[in-house]
N, C-alpha and C. Protein backbone atom coordinates (compact mmCIF):
# COMPACT_ATOMS: atom_id res chain seq x y z
N UNK A 1 151.39 73.83 67.59
CA UNK A 1 151.43 74.16 68.68
C UNK A 1 150.31 75.34 68.59
N UNK A 2 149.41 75.15 69.90
CA UNK A 2 148.20 76.16 69.67
C UNK A 2 148.67 77.73 69.89
N UNK A 3 148.08 78.57 69.85
CA UNK A 3 148.21 79.98 70.25
C UNK A 3 148.42 79.96 71.98
N UNK A 4 147.69 79.20 72.33
CA UNK A 4 147.76 79.33 74.18
C UNK A 4 149.21 79.07 74.48
N UNK A 5 149.98 78.14 73.60
CA UNK A 5 151.18 77.45 73.92
C UNK A 5 152.33 78.27 73.36
N UNK A 6 152.07 79.25 72.67
CA UNK A 6 153.19 80.13 71.93
C UNK A 6 153.85 81.34 72.98
N UNK A 7 154.78 81.57 72.84
CA UNK A 7 155.61 82.49 73.40
C UNK A 7 154.89 83.78 73.29
N UNK A 8 154.18 84.87 74.44
CA UNK A 8 153.60 85.97 73.95
C UNK A 8 154.60 86.90 73.39
N UNK A 9 155.75 87.26 73.61
CA UNK A 9 156.43 88.10 72.85
C UNK A 9 156.58 87.46 71.43
N UNK A 10 156.50 86.53 70.85
CA UNK A 10 156.69 85.91 69.69
C UNK A 10 155.27 86.12 69.04
N UNK A 11 154.23 85.88 69.62
CA UNK A 11 152.98 86.23 69.10
C UNK A 11 152.84 87.95 68.82
N UNK A 12 153.25 88.68 69.89
CA UNK A 12 153.38 90.33 69.74
C UNK A 12 154.26 90.49 68.40
N UNK A 13 155.31 90.07 68.33
CA UNK A 13 156.22 89.96 67.17
C UNK A 13 155.38 89.86 65.76
N UNK A 14 155.04 88.67 65.66
CA UNK A 14 154.03 88.34 64.45
C UNK A 14 152.86 89.07 64.37
N UNK A 15 152.17 89.69 65.50
CA UNK A 15 151.05 90.57 65.38
C UNK A 15 151.43 92.07 64.60
N UNK A 16 153.01 92.37 64.85
CA UNK A 16 153.25 93.79 64.71
C UNK A 16 153.71 93.47 63.27
N UNK A 17 154.51 92.43 62.75
CA UNK A 17 154.86 92.35 61.43
C UNK A 17 153.41 92.26 60.56
N UNK A 18 152.44 91.61 61.01
CA UNK A 18 150.99 91.58 60.37
C UNK A 18 150.42 92.86 59.88
N UNK A 19 150.19 93.35 60.95
CA UNK A 19 149.86 94.87 61.05
C UNK A 19 150.75 95.54 59.94
N UNK A 20 152.36 95.69 60.24
CA UNK A 20 152.84 96.59 59.22
C UNK A 20 152.70 95.88 57.77
N UNK A 21 152.49 94.79 57.40
CA UNK A 21 152.16 94.26 55.95
C UNK A 21 150.72 94.71 55.53
N UNK A 22 149.81 94.67 56.42
CA UNK A 22 148.37 95.10 56.02
C UNK A 22 148.34 96.80 55.89
N UNK A 23 149.32 97.23 56.88
CA UNK A 23 149.56 98.81 56.38
C UNK A 23 150.24 98.91 54.96
N UNK A 24 151.30 98.37 54.52
CA UNK A 24 151.69 98.58 53.21
C UNK A 24 150.76 98.34 52.32
N UNK A 25 149.92 97.27 52.58
CA UNK A 25 149.11 96.76 51.34
C UNK A 25 147.79 97.76 51.29
N UNK A 26 147.24 98.15 52.46
CA UNK A 26 146.30 99.35 52.37
C UNK A 26 146.83 100.65 51.64
N UNK A 27 147.99 101.11 51.81
CA UNK A 27 149.01 102.24 51.35
C UNK A 27 148.92 101.94 50.17
N UNK A 28 149.33 100.80 49.30
CA UNK A 28 149.56 100.51 47.92
C UNK A 28 148.15 100.75 47.19
N UNK A 29 146.93 99.92 48.01
CA UNK A 29 145.81 99.95 47.38
C UNK A 29 145.19 101.34 47.12
N UNK A 30 145.54 102.36 48.12
CA UNK A 30 144.89 103.97 48.41
C UNK A 30 145.80 104.52 47.31
N UNK A 31 146.99 104.10 47.18
CA UNK A 31 148.01 104.89 45.75
C UNK A 31 147.32 104.57 44.40
N UNK A 32 146.93 103.43 44.65
CA UNK A 32 146.31 102.77 43.16
C UNK A 32 144.95 103.66 42.71
N UNK A 33 144.32 103.68 43.53
CA UNK A 33 142.80 104.21 43.41
C UNK A 33 142.91 105.70 43.71
N UNK A 34 144.03 106.42 44.14
CA UNK A 34 143.77 108.09 44.43
C UNK A 34 143.68 108.61 43.13
N UNK A 35 142.62 109.72 42.91
CA UNK A 35 142.30 110.25 41.51
C UNK A 35 143.45 110.81 41.15
N UNK A 36 144.32 111.60 42.22
CA UNK A 36 145.51 112.25 41.53
C UNK A 36 146.68 111.42 40.77
N UNK A 37 146.82 110.35 41.58
CA UNK A 37 147.89 109.50 40.96
C UNK A 37 147.23 108.84 39.69
N UNK A 38 145.97 108.37 39.68
CA UNK A 38 145.31 107.80 38.33
C UNK A 38 145.65 108.98 37.34
N UNK A 39 145.22 110.26 37.53
CA UNK A 39 145.24 111.27 36.47
C UNK A 39 146.82 111.18 36.11
N UNK A 40 147.56 111.28 36.95
CA UNK A 40 148.98 111.39 36.72
C UNK A 40 149.54 110.04 36.08
N UNK A 41 149.17 109.00 36.48
CA UNK A 41 149.34 107.75 35.27
C UNK A 41 148.98 108.01 33.95
N UNK A 42 147.86 108.27 34.12
CA UNK A 42 146.91 108.83 32.51
C UNK A 42 147.84 109.61 31.76
N UNK A 43 148.15 111.02 32.62
CA UNK A 43 148.87 111.98 31.70
C UNK A 43 150.43 111.71 31.26
N UNK A 44 150.79 110.90 32.32
CA UNK A 44 152.25 110.23 31.61
C UNK A 44 152.03 109.07 30.48
N UNK A 45 151.11 108.46 30.45
CA UNK A 45 151.11 107.60 29.31
C UNK A 45 150.51 108.09 28.18
N UNK A 46 149.68 108.91 28.38
CA UNK A 46 149.22 109.58 27.26
C UNK A 46 150.56 110.54 26.54
N UNK A 47 151.29 111.40 27.30
CA UNK A 47 152.39 112.18 26.93
C UNK A 47 153.52 111.09 26.48
N UNK A 48 153.53 109.89 26.77
CA UNK A 48 154.60 108.76 26.27
C UNK A 48 154.11 108.55 24.90
N UNK A 49 152.94 108.10 24.57
CA UNK A 49 152.34 107.80 23.54
C UNK A 49 152.42 109.17 22.19
N UNK A 50 152.17 110.09 22.87
CA UNK A 50 152.19 111.15 22.00
C UNK A 50 153.51 111.59 21.42
N UNK A 51 154.59 111.21 22.32
CA UNK A 51 155.96 111.55 22.02
C UNK A 51 156.28 110.55 20.42
N UNK A 52 155.56 109.16 20.53
CA UNK A 52 155.79 108.51 19.42
C UNK A 52 154.83 108.66 18.32
N UNK A 53 154.25 109.92 18.35
CA UNK A 53 153.57 110.16 16.87
C UNK A 53 154.08 110.66 15.94
N UNK A 54 154.19 110.14 14.65
CA UNK A 54 154.88 111.15 13.68
C UNK A 54 154.43 112.80 13.44
N UNK A 55 155.09 113.59 13.69
CA UNK A 55 154.64 114.62 13.25
C UNK A 55 153.80 115.12 12.33
N UNK A 56 154.07 114.28 11.06
CA UNK A 56 153.46 114.38 9.93
C UNK A 56 151.85 114.18 10.04
N UNK A 57 151.94 112.85 10.39
CA UNK A 57 150.56 112.18 10.73
C UNK A 57 149.93 113.47 11.67
N UNK A 58 150.50 113.68 12.58
CA UNK A 58 149.71 114.50 13.73
C UNK A 58 149.13 115.94 12.97
N UNK A 59 150.11 116.43 12.25
CA UNK A 59 149.62 117.82 11.48
C UNK A 59 148.53 117.15 10.36
N UNK A 60 148.72 116.37 9.89
CA UNK A 60 147.61 115.89 8.89
C UNK A 60 146.20 115.58 9.66
N UNK A 61 146.31 114.87 10.62
CA UNK A 61 145.02 114.97 11.79
C UNK A 61 144.68 116.32 12.31
N UNK A 62 145.28 117.15 12.58
CA UNK A 62 145.31 118.29 13.10
C UNK A 62 144.48 119.06 12.02
N UNK A 63 145.14 119.14 10.82
CA UNK A 63 144.30 119.73 9.69
C UNK A 63 142.94 119.37 9.07
N UNK A 64 142.83 118.18 9.30
CA UNK A 64 141.56 117.39 8.85
C UNK A 64 140.50 117.93 9.84
N UNK A 65 140.88 117.66 10.93
CA UNK A 65 139.90 118.29 12.23
C UNK A 65 139.77 119.66 12.06
N UNK A 66 140.41 120.46 11.78
CA UNK A 66 140.13 121.84 11.62
C UNK A 66 139.37 122.10 10.42
N UNK A 67 139.88 121.38 9.45
CA UNK A 67 138.94 121.45 8.02
C UNK A 67 137.37 121.15 8.38
N UNK A 68 137.24 120.23 9.07
CA UNK A 68 135.74 119.67 9.58
C UNK A 68 135.04 120.44 10.54
N UNK A 69 135.70 121.18 11.53
CA UNK A 69 135.13 122.29 12.33
C UNK A 69 134.85 123.35 11.18
N UNK A 70 135.48 123.77 10.51
CA UNK A 70 135.38 125.18 9.63
C UNK A 70 134.06 124.72 9.18
N UNK A 71 134.12 123.54 8.35
CA UNK A 71 132.86 123.07 7.24
C UNK A 71 131.45 123.08 8.48
N UNK A 72 131.63 122.69 9.54
CA UNK A 72 130.30 122.41 10.36
C UNK A 72 130.05 123.87 10.80
N UNK A 73 130.61 124.81 11.06
CA UNK A 73 130.21 126.26 11.34
C UNK A 73 129.82 126.74 10.19
N UNK A 74 130.50 126.58 8.79
CA UNK A 74 129.84 127.24 7.83
C UNK A 74 128.54 126.81 7.43
N UNK A 75 128.56 125.31 7.51
CA UNK A 75 126.92 124.66 7.06
C UNK A 75 125.94 125.00 8.30
N UNK A 76 126.25 125.13 9.40
CA UNK A 76 125.33 125.61 10.31
C UNK A 76 124.74 126.95 10.14
N UNK A 77 125.81 127.96 9.63
CA UNK A 77 125.27 129.39 9.43
C UNK A 77 124.40 129.64 8.24
N UNK A 78 124.56 128.51 7.26
CA UNK A 78 123.88 128.45 5.96
C UNK A 78 122.38 127.97 6.44
N UNK A 79 121.97 127.46 7.35
CA UNK A 79 120.98 126.68 7.69
C UNK A 79 119.66 127.77 8.10
């Protein structure tokens, strides 16, 4: 059946359904690329992964980082 032969009311309903679907798709895409939403997802992921880190391992890592920074500062002052 061609478009000309279809019921105008049915065409209007189909167009409205298509518009609604397109609007939802655009909203979904906008939500995915929104800087605030991207930041929120990254922060959530980092928090989730940080919660799984063993506190002893984290403490050792922070200690090594601190010692490295102190060594760098001392080395630069002596130059």
